[in-house]
mmCIF file of all heavy atoms, coordinates in Angstrom:
data_MODEL
# 
_entry.id   MODEL 
# 
loop_
_atom_site.group_PDB 
_atom_site.id 
_atom_site.type_symbol 
_atom_site.label_atom_id 
_atom_site.label_alt_id 
_atom_site.label_comp_id 
_atom_site.label_asym_id 
_atom_site.label_entity_id 
_atom_site.label_seq_id 
_atom_site.pdbx_PDB_ins_code 
_atom_site.Cartn_x 
_atom_site.Cartn_y 
_atom_site.Cartn_z 
_atom_site.occupancy 
_atom_site.B_iso_or_equiv 
_atom_site.pdbx_formal_charge 
_atom_site.auth_seq_id 
_atom_site.auth_comp_id 
_atom_site.auth_asym_id 
_atom_site.auth_atom_id 
_atom_site.pdbx_PDB_model_num 
ATOM 1   N N   . ALA A 1 1  ? 63.150 -98.207  23.398 1.00 0.00 ? 1  ALA A N   1 
ATOM 2   C CA  . ALA A 1 1  ? 62.290 -98.223  22.234 1.00 0.00 ? 1  ALA A CA  1 
ATOM 3   C C   . ALA A 1 1  ? 60.858 -98.583  22.606 1.00 0.00 ? 1  ALA A C   1 
ATOM 4   O O   . ALA A 1 1  ? 60.611 -99.575  23.321 1.00 0.00 ? 1  ALA A O   1 
ATOM 5   C CB  . ALA A 1 1  ? 62.857 -99.184  21.171 1.00 0.00 ? 1  ALA A CB  1 
ATOM 6   N N   . VAL A 1 2  ? 59.916 -97.779  22.120 1.00 0.00 ? 2  VAL A N   1 
ATOM 7   C CA  . VAL A 1 2  ? 58.547 -98.037  22.406 1.00 0.00 ? 2  VAL A CA  1 
ATOM 8   C C   . VAL A 1 2  ? 57.785 -97.833  21.095 1.00 0.00 ? 2  VAL A C   1 
ATOM 9   O O   . VAL A 1 2  ? 58.268 -97.187  20.108 1.00 0.00 ? 2  VAL A O   1 
ATOM 10  C CB  . VAL A 1 2  ? 57.953 -97.071  23.471 1.00 0.00 ? 2  VAL A CB  1 
ATOM 11  C CG1 . VAL A 1 2  ? 58.651 -97.331  24.880 1.00 0.00 ? 2  VAL A CG1 1 
ATOM 12  C CG2 . VAL A 1 2  ? 58.131 -95.609  23.190 1.00 0.00 ? 2  VAL A CG2 1 
ATOM 13  N N   . THR A 1 3  ? 56.612 -98.356  21.076 1.00 0.00 ? 3  THR A N   1 
ATOM 14  C CA  . THR A 1 3  ? 55.716 -97.898  19.959 1.00 0.00 ? 3  THR A CA  1 
ATOM 15  C C   . THR A 1 3  ? 54.825 -96.668  20.151 1.00 0.00 ? 3  THR A C   1 
ATOM 16  O O   . THR A 1 3  ? 54.734 -96.344  21.361 1.00 0.00 ? 3  THR A O   1 
ATOM 17  C CB  . THR A 1 3  ? 54.754 -99.168  19.587 1.00 0.00 ? 3  THR A CB  1 
ATOM 18  O OG1 . THR A 1 3  ? 53.826 -99.356  20.564 1.00 0.00 ? 3  THR A OG1 1 
ATOM 19  C CG2 . THR A 1 3  ? 55.564 -100.387 19.273 1.00 0.00 ? 3  THR A CG2 1 
ATOM 20  N N   . ASN A 1 4  ? 54.203 -96.109  19.193 1.00 0.00 ? 4  ASN A N   1 
ATOM 21  C CA  . ASN A 1 4  ? 53.381 -94.956  19.389 1.00 0.00 ? 4  ASN A CA  1 
ATOM 22  C C   . ASN A 1 4  ? 51.854 -95.340  19.507 1.00 0.00 ? 4  ASN A C   1 
ATOM 23  O O   . ASN A 1 4  ? 51.002 -94.583  19.171 1.00 0.00 ? 4  ASN A O   1 
ATOM 24  C CB  . ASN A 1 4  ? 53.507 -94.108  18.142 1.00 0.00 ? 4  ASN A CB  1 
ATOM 25  C CG  . ASN A 1 4  ? 53.065 -94.629  16.785 1.00 0.00 ? 4  ASN A CG  1 
ATOM 26  O OD1 . ASN A 1 4  ? 52.855 -95.870  16.729 1.00 0.00 ? 4  ASN A OD1 1 
ATOM 27  N ND2 . ASN A 1 4  ? 52.917 -93.811  15.748 1.00 0.00 ? 4  ASN A ND2 1 
ATOM 28  N N   . THR A 1 5  ? 51.636 -96.355  20.287 1.00 0.00 ? 5  THR A N   1 
ATOM 29  C CA  . THR A 1 5  ? 50.259 -96.766  20.609 1.00 0.00 ? 5  THR A CA  1 
ATOM 30  C C   . THR A 1 5  ? 49.594 -95.833  21.628 1.00 0.00 ? 5  THR A C   1 
ATOM 31  O O   . THR A 1 5  ? 48.418 -95.723  21.651 1.00 0.00 ? 5  THR A O   1 
ATOM 32  C CB  . THR A 1 5  ? 50.170 -98.155  21.128 1.00 0.00 ? 5  THR A CB  1 
ATOM 33  O OG1 . THR A 1 5  ? 50.952 -98.259  22.368 1.00 0.00 ? 5  THR A OG1 1 
ATOM 34  C CG2 . THR A 1 5  ? 50.560 -99.199  20.138 1.00 0.00 ? 5  THR A CG2 1 
ATOM 35  N N   . ILE A 1 6  ? 50.431 -95.135  22.322 1.00 0.00 ? 6  ILE A N   1 
ATOM 36  C CA  . ILE A 1 6  ? 49.959 -94.074  23.298 1.00 0.00 ? 6  ILE A CA  1 
ATOM 37  C C   . ILE A 1 6  ? 50.819 -92.862  23.007 1.00 0.00 ? 6  ILE A C   1 
ATOM 38  O O   . ILE A 1 6  ? 52.061 -92.931  22.907 1.00 0.00 ? 6  ILE A O   1 
ATOM 39  C CB  . ILE A 1 6  ? 50.204 -94.531  24.764 1.00 0.00 ? 6  ILE A CB  1 
ATOM 40  C CG1 . ILE A 1 6  ? 49.375 -95.817  25.049 1.00 0.00 ? 6  ILE A CG1 1 
ATOM 41  C CG2 . ILE A 1 6  ? 49.837 -93.409  25.668 1.00 0.00 ? 6  ILE A CG2 1 
ATOM 42  C CD1 . ILE A 1 6  ? 49.668 -96.409  26.363 1.00 0.00 ? 6  ILE A CD1 1 
ATOM 43  N N   . ARG A 1 7  ? 50.115 -91.686  22.892 1.00 0.00 ? 7  ARG A N   1 
ATOM 44  C CA  . ARG A 1 7  ? 50.786 -90.369  22.650 1.00 0.00 ? 7  ARG A CA  1 
ATOM 45  C C   . ARG A 1 7  ? 51.677 -90.123  23.890 1.00 0.00 ? 7  ARG A C   1 
ATOM 46  O O   . ARG A 1 7  ? 51.306 -90.144  24.940 1.00 0.00 ? 7  ARG A O   1 
ATOM 47  C CB  . ARG A 1 7  ? 49.793 -89.273  22.388 1.00 0.00 ? 7  ARG A CB  1 
ATOM 48  C CG  . ARG A 1 7  ? 50.426 -88.030  21.855 1.00 0.00 ? 7  ARG A CG  1 
ATOM 49  C CD  . ARG A 1 7  ? 49.550 -86.891  21.666 1.00 0.00 ? 7  ARG A CD  1 
ATOM 50  N NE  . ARG A 1 7  ? 49.136 -86.209  22.903 1.00 0.00 ? 7  ARG A NE  1 
ATOM 51  C CZ  . ARG A 1 7  ? 49.959 -85.385  23.545 1.00 0.00 ? 7  ARG A CZ  1 
ATOM 52  N NH1 . ARG A 1 7  ? 51.155 -85.276  23.281 1.00 0.00 ? 7  ARG A NH1 1 
ATOM 53  N NH2 . ARG A 1 7  ? 49.509 -84.777  24.639 1.00 0.00 ? 7  ARG A NH2 1 
ATOM 54  N N   . ILE A 1 8  ? 52.921 -89.659  23.591 1.00 0.00 ? 8  ILE A N   1 
ATOM 55  C CA  . ILE A 1 8  ? 53.861 -89.360  24.581 1.00 0.00 ? 8  ILE A CA  1 
ATOM 56  C C   . ILE A 1 8  ? 54.052 -87.777  24.577 1.00 0.00 ? 8  ILE A C   1 
ATOM 57  O O   . ILE A 1 8  ? 54.548 -87.283  23.582 1.00 0.00 ? 8  ILE A O   1 
ATOM 58  C CB  . ILE A 1 8  ? 55.236 -90.016  24.463 1.00 0.00 ? 8  ILE A CB  1 
ATOM 59  C CG1 . ILE A 1 8  ? 55.023 -91.600  24.452 1.00 0.00 ? 8  ILE A CG1 1 
ATOM 60  C CG2 . ILE A 1 8  ? 56.189 -89.592  25.579 1.00 0.00 ? 8  ILE A CG2 1 
ATOM 61  C CD1 . ILE A 1 8  ? 56.225 -92.415  24.040 1.00 0.00 ? 8  ILE A CD1 1 
ATOM 62  N N   . PRO A 1 9  ? 53.604 -87.061  25.624 1.00 0.00 ? 9  PRO A N   1 
ATOM 63  C CA  . PRO A 1 9  ? 53.818 -85.618  25.601 1.00 0.00 ? 9  PRO A CA  1 
ATOM 64  C C   . PRO A 1 9  ? 55.238 -85.263  25.586 1.00 0.00 ? 9  PRO A C   1 
ATOM 65  O O   . PRO A 1 9  ? 56.083 -85.931  26.040 1.00 0.00 ? 9  PRO A O   1 
ATOM 66  C CB  . PRO A 1 9  ? 53.130 -85.228  26.958 1.00 0.00 ? 9  PRO A CB  1 
ATOM 67  C CG  . PRO A 1 9  ? 52.236 -86.402  27.424 1.00 0.00 ? 9  PRO A CG  1 
ATOM 68  C CD  . PRO A 1 9  ? 52.884 -87.574  26.878 1.00 0.00 ? 9  PRO A CD  1 
ATOM 69  N N   . GLU A 1 10 ? 55.562 -84.075  25.013 1.00 0.00 ? 10 GLU A N   1 
ATOM 70  C CA  . GLU A 1 10 ? 56.834 -83.538  24.885 1.00 0.00 ? 10 GLU A CA  1 
ATOM 71  C C   . GLU A 1 10 ? 57.592 -83.594  26.181 1.00 0.00 ? 10 GLU A C   1 
ATOM 72  O O   . GLU A 1 10 ? 58.794 -84.017  26.289 1.00 0.00 ? 10 GLU A O   1 
ATOM 73  C CB  . GLU A 1 10 ? 56.856 -82.065  24.375 1.00 0.00 ? 10 GLU A CB  1 
ATOM 74  C CG  . GLU A 1 10 ? 56.570 -81.894  22.924 1.00 0.00 ? 10 GLU A CG  1 
ATOM 75  C CD  . GLU A 1 10 ? 57.723 -82.165  22.043 1.00 0.00 ? 10 GLU A CD  1 
ATOM 76  O OE1 . GLU A 1 10 ? 58.878 -81.839  22.359 1.00 0.00 ? 10 GLU A OE1 1 
ATOM 77  O OE2 . GLU A 1 10 ? 57.537 -82.633  20.935 1.00 0.00 ? 10 GLU A OE2 1 
ATOM 78  N N   . ASP A 1 11 ? 56.910 -83.211  27.212 1.00 0.00 ? 11 ASP A N   1 
ATOM 79  C CA  . ASP A 1 11 ? 57.668 -83.058  28.535 1.00 0.00 ? 11 ASP A CA  1 
ATOM 80  C C   . ASP A 1 11 ? 58.042 -84.493  29.119 1.00 0.00 ? 11 ASP A C   1 
ATOM 81  O O   . ASP A 1 11 ? 58.874 -84.602  30.085 1.00 0.00 ? 11 ASP A O   1 
ATOM 82  C CB  . ASP A 1 11 ? 56.820 -82.291  29.584 1.00 0.00 ? 11 ASP A CB  1 
ATOM 83  C CG  . ASP A 1 11 ? 55.612 -82.960  29.963 1.00 0.00 ? 11 ASP A CG  1 
ATOM 84  O OD1 . ASP A 1 11 ? 54.980 -83.682  29.086 1.00 0.00 ? 11 ASP A OD1 1 
ATOM 85  O OD2 . ASP A 1 11 ? 55.111 -82.803  31.044 1.00 0.00 ? 11 ASP A OD2 1 
ATOM 86  N N   . ARG A 1 12 ? 57.684 -85.537  28.518 1.00 0.00 ? 12 ARG A N   1 
ATOM 87  C CA  . ARG A 1 12 ? 57.936 -86.911  29.001 1.00 0.00 ? 12 ARG A CA  1 
ATOM 88  C C   . ARG A 1 12 ? 58.916 -87.578  28.071 1.00 0.00 ? 12 ARG A C   1 
ATOM 89  O O   . ARG A 1 12 ? 59.288 -88.728  28.241 1.00 0.00 ? 12 ARG A O   1 
ATOM 90  C CB  . ARG A 1 12 ? 56.727 -87.744  29.158 1.00 0.00 ? 12 ARG A CB  1 
ATOM 91  C CG  . ARG A 1 12 ? 55.831 -87.183  30.215 1.00 0.00 ? 12 ARG A CG  1 
ATOM 92  C CD  . ARG A 1 12 ? 54.623 -88.011  30.531 1.00 0.00 ? 12 ARG A CD  1 
ATOM 93  N NE  . ARG A 1 12 ? 53.602 -87.208  31.295 1.00 0.00 ? 12 ARG A NE  1 
ATOM 94  C CZ  . ARG A 1 12 ? 52.476 -87.611  31.571 1.00 0.00 ? 12 ARG A CZ  1 
ATOM 95  N NH1 . ARG A 1 12 ? 52.048 -88.822  31.115 1.00 0.00 ? 12 ARG A NH1 1 
ATOM 96  N NH2 . ARG A 1 12 ? 51.619 -86.946  32.370 1.00 0.00 ? 12 ARG A NH2 1 
ATOM 97  N N   . GLN A 1 13 ? 59.214 -86.966  26.870 1.00 0.00 ? 13 GLN A N   1 
ATOM 98  C CA  . GLN A 1 13 ? 60.214 -87.543  26.021 1.00 0.00 ? 13 GLN A CA  1 
ATOM 99  C C   . GLN A 1 13 ? 61.653 -87.169  26.369 1.00 0.00 ? 13 GLN A C   1 
ATOM 100 O O   . GLN A 1 13 ? 61.921 -86.110  27.127 1.00 0.00 ? 13 GLN A O   1 
ATOM 101 C CB  . GLN A 1 13 ? 59.901 -86.995  24.600 1.00 0.00 ? 13 GLN A CB  1 
ATOM 102 C CG  . GLN A 1 13 ? 58.605 -87.441  24.083 1.00 0.00 ? 13 GLN A CG  1 
ATOM 103 C CD  . GLN A 1 13 ? 58.309 -87.081  22.675 1.00 0.00 ? 13 GLN A CD  1 
ATOM 104 O OE1 . GLN A 1 13 ? 59.175 -86.828  21.878 1.00 0.00 ? 13 GLN A OE1 1 
ATOM 105 N NE2 . GLN A 1 13 ? 56.986 -86.884  22.383 1.00 0.00 ? 13 GLN A NE2 1 
ATOM 106 N N   . PHE A 1 14 ? 62.656 -87.950  26.086 1.00 0.00 ? 14 PHE A N   1 
ATOM 107 C CA  . PHE A 1 14 ? 63.994 -87.718  26.443 1.00 0.00 ? 14 PHE A CA  1 
ATOM 108 C C   . PHE A 1 14 ? 64.884 -88.336  25.414 1.00 0.00 ? 14 PHE A C   1 
ATOM 109 O O   . PHE A 1 14 ? 64.436 -89.172  24.545 1.00 0.00 ? 14 PHE A O   1 
ATOM 110 C CB  . PHE A 1 14 ? 64.248 -88.372  27.811 1.00 0.00 ? 14 PHE A CB  1 
ATOM 111 C CG  . PHE A 1 14 ? 63.763 -89.752  28.005 1.00 0.00 ? 14 PHE A CG  1 
ATOM 112 C CD1 . PHE A 1 14 ? 64.740 -90.833  27.840 1.00 0.00 ? 14 PHE A CD1 1 
ATOM 113 C CD2 . PHE A 1 14 ? 62.532 -90.017  28.335 1.00 0.00 ? 14 PHE A CD2 1 
ATOM 114 C CE1 . PHE A 1 14 ? 64.310 -92.116  28.028 1.00 0.00 ? 14 PHE A CE1 1 
ATOM 115 C CE2 . PHE A 1 14 ? 62.065 -91.338  28.561 1.00 0.00 ? 14 PHE A CE2 1 
ATOM 116 C CZ  . PHE A 1 14 ? 63.042 -92.368  28.283 1.00 0.00 ? 14 PHE A CZ  1 
ATOM 117 N N   . GLU A 1 15 ? 66.183 -87.970  25.433 1.00 0.00 ? 15 GLU A N   1 
ATOM 118 C CA  . GLU A 1 15 ? 67.067 -88.356  24.340 1.00 0.00 ? 15 GLU A CA  1 
ATOM 119 C C   . GLU A 1 15 ? 67.231 -89.873  24.092 1.00 0.00 ? 15 GLU A C   1 
ATOM 120 O O   . GLU A 1 15 ? 67.267 -90.362  22.969 1.00 0.00 ? 15 GLU A O   1 
ATOM 121 C CB  . GLU A 1 15 ? 68.429 -87.833  24.653 1.00 0.00 ? 15 GLU A CB  1 
ATOM 122 C CG  . GLU A 1 15 ? 69.448 -87.969  23.492 1.00 0.00 ? 15 GLU A CG  1 
ATOM 123 C CD  . GLU A 1 15 ? 70.737 -87.265  23.836 1.00 0.00 ? 15 GLU A CD  1 
ATOM 124 O OE1 . GLU A 1 15 ? 70.768 -86.133  24.216 1.00 0.00 ? 15 GLU A OE1 1 
ATOM 125 O OE2 . GLU A 1 15 ? 71.857 -87.922  23.659 1.00 0.00 ? 15 GLU A OE2 1 
ATOM 126 N N   . LYS A 1 16 ? 67.157 -90.692  25.144 1.00 0.00 ? 16 LYS A N   1 
ATOM 127 C CA  . LYS A 1 16 ? 67.324 -92.124  24.975 1.00 0.00 ? 16 LYS A CA  1 
ATOM 128 C C   . LYS A 1 16 ? 66.050 -92.801  24.433 1.00 0.00 ? 16 LYS A C   1 
ATOM 129 O O   . LYS A 1 16 ? 66.054 -93.981  24.135 1.00 0.00 ? 16 LYS A O   1 
ATOM 130 C CB  . LYS A 1 16 ? 67.630 -92.788  26.323 1.00 0.00 ? 16 LYS A CB  1 
ATOM 131 C CG  . LYS A 1 16 ? 68.898 -92.322  27.033 1.00 0.00 ? 16 LYS A CG  1 
ATOM 132 C CD  . LYS A 1 16 ? 69.010 -93.106  28.385 1.00 0.00 ? 16 LYS A CD  1 
ATOM 133 C CE  . LYS A 1 16 ? 70.178 -92.691  29.113 1.00 0.00 ? 16 LYS A CE  1 
ATOM 134 N NZ  . LYS A 1 16 ? 70.244 -93.382  30.427 1.00 0.00 ? 16 LYS A NZ  1 
ATOM 135 N N   . LEU A 1 17 ? 64.885 -92.173  24.343 1.00 0.00 ? 17 LEU A N   1 
ATOM 136 C CA  . LEU A 1 17 ? 63.681 -92.606  23.969 1.00 0.00 ? 17 LEU A CA  1 
ATOM 137 C C   . LEU A 1 17 ? 63.511 -92.639  22.408 1.00 0.00 ? 17 LEU A C   1 
ATOM 138 O O   . LEU A 1 17 ? 63.649 -91.631  21.799 1.00 0.00 ? 17 LEU A O   1 
ATOM 139 C CB  . LEU A 1 17 ? 62.433 -91.840  24.617 1.00 0.00 ? 17 LEU A CB  1 
ATOM 140 C CG  . LEU A 1 17 ? 61.096 -92.445  24.333 1.00 0.00 ? 17 LEU A CG  1 
ATOM 141 C CD1 . LEU A 1 17 ? 60.898 -93.725  24.996 1.00 0.00 ? 17 LEU A CD1 1 
ATOM 142 C CD2 . LEU A 1 17 ? 60.027 -91.379  24.758 1.00 0.00 ? 17 LEU A CD2 1 
ATOM 143 N N   . LYS A 1 18 ? 63.197 -93.843  21.878 1.00 0.00 ? 18 LYS A N   1 
ATOM 144 C CA  . LYS A 1 18 ? 62.984 -93.920  20.491 1.00 0.00 ? 18 LYS A CA  1 
ATOM 145 C C   . LYS A 1 18 ? 61.566 -94.442  20.282 1.00 0.00 ? 18 LYS A C   1 
ATOM 146 O O   . LYS A 1 18 ? 61.178 -95.493  20.805 1.00 0.00 ? 18 LYS A O   1 
ATOM 147 C CB  . LYS A 1 18 ? 63.928 -94.924  19.770 1.00 0.00 ? 18 LYS A CB  1 
ATOM 148 C CG  . LYS A 1 18 ? 65.365 -94.579  20.003 1.00 0.00 ? 18 LYS A CG  1 
ATOM 149 C CD  . LYS A 1 18 ? 65.808 -93.219  19.358 1.00 0.00 ? 18 LYS A CD  1 
ATOM 150 C CE  . LYS A 1 18 ? 67.238 -92.973  19.689 1.00 0.00 ? 18 LYS A CE  1 
ATOM 151 N NZ  . LYS A 1 18 ? 67.577 -91.664  19.923 1.00 0.00 ? 18 LYS A NZ  1 
ATOM 152 N N   . VAL A 1 19 ? 60.734 -93.697  19.600 1.00 0.00 ? 19 VAL A N   1 
ATOM 153 C CA  . VAL A 1 19 ? 59.249 -94.004  19.423 1.00 0.00 ? 19 VAL A CA  1 
ATOM 154 C C   . VAL A 1 19 ? 59.142 -94.568  17.983 1.00 0.00 ? 19 VAL A C   1 
ATOM 155 O O   . VAL A 1 19 ? 59.501 -93.850  17.052 1.00 0.00 ? 19 VAL A O   1 
ATOM 156 C CB  . VAL A 1 19 ? 58.386 -92.863  19.664 1.00 0.00 ? 19 VAL A CB  1 
ATOM 157 C CG1 . VAL A 1 19 ? 56.926 -93.306  19.489 1.00 0.00 ? 19 VAL A CG1 1 
ATOM 158 C CG2 . VAL A 1 19 ? 58.587 -92.176  21.042 1.00 0.00 ? 19 VAL A CG2 1 
ATOM 159 N N   . LEU A 1 20 ? 58.671 -95.751  17.838 1.00 0.00 ? 20 LEU A N   1 
ATOM 160 C CA  . LEU A 1 20 ? 58.519 -96.439  16.563 1.00 0.00 ? 20 LEU A CA  1 
ATOM 161 C C   . LEU A 1 20 ? 57.053 -96.446  16.167 1.00 0.00 ? 20 LEU A C   1 
ATOM 162 O O   . LEU A 1 20 ? 56.223 -96.754  16.929 1.00 0.00 ? 20 LEU A O   1 
ATOM 163 C CB  . LEU A 1 20 ? 59.029 -97.908  16.696 1.00 0.00 ? 20 LEU A CB  1 
ATOM 164 C CG  . LEU A 1 20 ? 60.423 -97.967  17.151 1.00 0.00 ? 20 LEU A CG  1 
ATOM 165 C CD1 . LEU A 1 20 ? 60.810 -99.492  17.413 1.00 0.00 ? 20 LEU A CD1 1 
ATOM 166 C CD2 . LEU A 1 20 ? 61.429 -97.330  16.188 1.00 0.00 ? 20 LEU A CD2 1 
ATOM 167 N N   . SER A 1 21 ? 56.723 -96.100  14.918 1.00 0.00 ? 21 SER A N   1 
ATOM 168 C CA  . SER A 1 21 ? 55.360 -96.087  14.511 1.00 0.00 ? 21 SER A CA  1 
ATOM 169 C C   . SER A 1 21 ? 54.768 -97.453  14.133 1.00 0.00 ? 21 SER A C   1 
ATOM 170 O O   . SER A 1 21 ? 55.572 -98.375  13.579 1.00 0.00 ? 21 SER A O   1 
ATOM 171 C CB  . SER A 1 21 ? 55.334 -95.203  13.233 1.00 0.00 ? 21 SER A CB  1 
ATOM 172 O OG  . SER A 1 21 ? 54.091 -95.178  12.682 1.00 0.00 ? 21 SER A OG  1 
ATOM 173 N N   . ILE A 1 22 ? 53.607 -97.701  14.380 1.00 0.00 ? 22 ILE A N   1 
ATOM 174 C CA  . ILE A 1 22 ? 52.913 -99.023  14.001 1.00 0.00 ? 22 ILE A CA  1 
ATOM 175 C C   . ILE A 1 22 ? 51.971 -98.645  12.885 1.00 0.00 ? 22 ILE A C   1 
ATOM 176 O O   . ILE A 1 22 ? 51.201 -99.622  12.530 1.00 0.00 ? 22 ILE A O   1 
ATOM 177 C CB  . ILE A 1 22 ? 52.215 -99.514  15.289 1.00 0.00 ? 22 ILE A CB  1 
ATOM 178 C CG1 . ILE A 1 22 ? 51.098 -98.694  15.722 1.00 0.00 ? 22 ILE A CG1 1 
ATOM 179 C CG2 . ILE A 1 22 ? 53.197 -100.001 16.331 1.00 0.00 ? 22 ILE A CG2 1 
ATOM 180 C CD1 . ILE A 1 22 ? 50.066 -99.405  16.603 1.00 0.00 ? 22 ILE A CD1 1 
ATOM 181 N N   . ALA A 1 23 ? 51.978 -97.526  12.306 1.00 0.00 ? 23 ALA A N   1 
ATOM 182 C CA  . ALA A 1 23 ? 51.093 -97.142  11.227 1.00 0.00 ? 23 ALA A CA  1 
ATOM 183 C C   . ALA A 1 23 ? 51.041 -98.164  10.034 1.00 0.00 ? 23 ALA A C   1 
ATOM 184 O O   . ALA A 1 23 ? 50.116 -98.639  9.534  1.00 0.00 ? 23 ALA A O   1 
ATOM 185 C CB  . ALA A 1 23 ? 51.391 -95.801  10.711 1.00 0.00 ? 23 ALA A CB  1 
ATOM 186 N N   . GLY A 1 24 ? 52.405 -98.595  9.620  1.00 0.00 ? 24 GLY A N   1 
ATOM 187 C CA  . GLY A 1 24 ? 52.348 -99.597  8.583  1.00 0.00 ? 24 GLY A CA  1 
ATOM 188 C C   . GLY A 1 24 ? 51.796 -100.927 8.885  1.00 0.00 ? 24 GLY A C   1 
ATOM 189 O O   . GLY A 1 24 ? 51.080 -101.486 8.018  1.00 0.00 ? 24 GLY A O   1 
ATOM 190 N N   . LEU A 1 25 ? 51.974 -101.327 10.122 1.00 0.00 ? 25 LEU A N   1 
ATOM 191 C CA  . LEU A 1 25 ? 51.379 -102.571 10.511 1.00 0.00 ? 25 LEU A CA  1 
ATOM 192 C C   . LEU A 1 25 ? 49.885 -102.606 10.540 1.00 0.00 ? 25 LEU A C   1 
ATOM 193 O O   . LEU A 1 25 ? 49.079 -103.531 10.061 1.00 0.00 ? 25 LEU A O   1 
ATOM 194 C CB  . LEU A 1 25 ? 51.879 -103.039 11.965 1.00 0.00 ? 25 LEU A CB  1 
ATOM 195 C CG  . LEU A 1 25 ? 51.488 -104.309 12.506 1.00 0.00 ? 25 LEU A CG  1 
ATOM 196 C CD1 . LEU A 1 25 ? 51.797 -105.529 11.704 1.00 0.00 ? 25 LEU A CD1 1 
ATOM 197 C CD2 . LEU A 1 25 ? 51.907 -104.423 13.950 1.00 0.00 ? 25 LEU A CD2 1 
ATOM 198 N N   . ILE A 1 26 ? 49.314 -101.394 11.076 1.00 0.00 ? 26 ILE A N   1 
ATOM 199 C CA  . ILE A 1 26 ? 47.857 -101.250 11.174 1.00 0.00 ? 26 ILE A CA  1 
ATOM 200 C C   . ILE A 1 26 ? 47.232 -101.198 9.757  1.00 0.00 ? 26 ILE A C   1 
ATOM 201 O O   . ILE A 1 26 ? 46.222 -101.715 9.414  1.00 0.00 ? 26 ILE A O   1 
ATOM 202 C CB  . ILE A 1 26 ? 47.467 -99.956  11.926 1.00 0.00 ? 26 ILE A CB  1 
ATOM 203 C CG1 . ILE A 1 26 ? 47.973 -100.108 13.414 1.00 0.00 ? 26 ILE A CG1 1 
ATOM 204 C CG2 . ILE A 1 26 ? 46.004 -99.621  11.892 1.00 0.00 ? 26 ILE A CG2 1 
ATOM 205 C CD1 . ILE A 1 26 ? 47.312 -101.211 14.154 1.00 0.00 ? 26 ILE A CD1 1 
# 
């Protein structure tokens, strides 16, 4: 699990990766 503070390109994403938004916190 990671936050979306850095954009992760499609080719670096994988099934086990969960990207959590920090938009609400900001």
